[in-house]
Amino acid sequence: MSTGMSLPETGRYLGRQLAQSLRLMVGQPDYGGYLRHMQATHPDQTPMTEKAFFREREQARYGGGKGRCC
């Protein structure tokens, strides 16, 4: 069965998928994935900078520094 990808392409694809999975497991957001999403679905909008992206994801995850119970 042929996937249409060469061995090096397949290796790069698997490496990207593994890296993304590991980042998600430890809670690190995927800026590259965000950029691909923005280009594909919102090409008319300017994406956030990497610093702004991580700040926004951190605030979404931890509530922007507000203490919360449970």
Protein backbone atom coordinates (compact mmCIF):
# COMPACT_ATOMS: atom_id res chain seq x y z
CA MET A 1 0.00 0.00 0.00
CA SER A 2 1.46 3.36 -1.02
CA THR A 3 0.73 6.56 0.92
CA GLY A 4 2.31 8.81 -1.67
CA MET A 5 5.01 9.97 0.78
CA SER A 6 8.67 9.12 0.53
CA LEU A 7 10.45 7.63 3.52
CA PRO A 8 12.03 10.98 4.55
CA GLU A 9 8.64 12.74 4.24
CA THR A 10 6.99 10.05 6.33
CA GLY A 11 9.71 10.40 8.97
CA ARG A 12 9.26 14.19 9.13
CA TYR A 13 5.48 13.79 9.38
CA LEU A 14 5.77 11.23 12.20
CA GLY A 15 8.31 13.43 13.98
CA ARG A 16 5.98 16.45 13.84
CA GLN A 17 3.08 14.38 15.11
CA LEU A 18 5.14 12.97 17.98
CA ALA A 19 6.43 16.42 18.94
CA GLN A 20 2.91 17.85 18.91
CA SER A 21 1.63 14.96 21.04
CA LEU A 22 4.41 15.43 23.57
CA ARG A 23 3.78 19.19 23.77
CA LEU A 24 0.08 18.58 24.37
CA MET A 25 0.86 15.99 27.05
CA VAL A 26 2.83 18.53 29.07
CA GLY A 27 0.45 21.38 28.33
CA GLN A 28 2.66 23.34 25.95
CA PRO A 29 0.58 24.88 23.16
CA ASP A 30 1.49 24.36 19.50
CA TYR A 31 2.30 27.73 17.90
CA GLY A 32 3.06 26.14 14.53
CA GLY A 33 -0.33 24.45 14.54
CA TYR A 34 -1.95 27.77 15.41
CA LEU A 35 -0.19 29.46 12.48
CA ARG A 36 -1.30 26.70 10.09
CA HIS A 37 -4.87 27.03 11.36
CA MET A 38 -4.85 30.80 10.93
CA GLN A 39 -3.47 30.54 7.38
CA ALA A 40 -6.00 27.88 6.39
CA THR A 41 -9.14 29.29 8.02
CA HIS A 42 -8.49 32.98 8.69
CA PRO A 43 -6.05 34.17 6.00
CA ASP A 44 -7.42 37.73 6.25
CA GLN A 45 -6.44 38.04 9.94
CA THR A 46 -3.00 38.72 11.34
CA PRO A 47 -1.95 35.91 13.71
CA MET A 48 -0.72 36.66 17.21
CA THR A 49 3.00 36.83 17.81
CA GLU A 50 4.52 33.77 19.44
CA LYS A 51 4.85 35.65 22.74
CA ALA A 52 1.21 36.81 22.65
CA PHE A 53 0.06 33.30 21.70
CA PHE A 54 1.80 31.67 24.68
CA ARG A 55 0.55 34.40 27.03
CA GLU A 56 -3.04 33.92 25.82
CA ARG A 57 -2.80 30.11 26.15
CA GLU A 58 -1.34 30.45 29.65
CA GLN A 59 -4.15 32.77 30.69
CA ALA A 60 -6.74 30.41 29.22
CA ARG A 61 -5.21 27.48 31.06
CA TYR A 62 -4.53 29.09 34.43
CA GLY A 63 -7.19 31.78 34.54
CA GLY A 64 -4.87 34.73 34.03
CA GLY A 65 -3.39 34.51 37.52
CA LYS A 66 -6.72 34.50 39.31
CA GLY A 67 -6.82 31.98 42.09
CA ARG A 68 -9.47 29.35 41.74
CA CYS A 69 -10.62 26.44 43.76
CA CYS A 70 -10.43 22.97 42.24
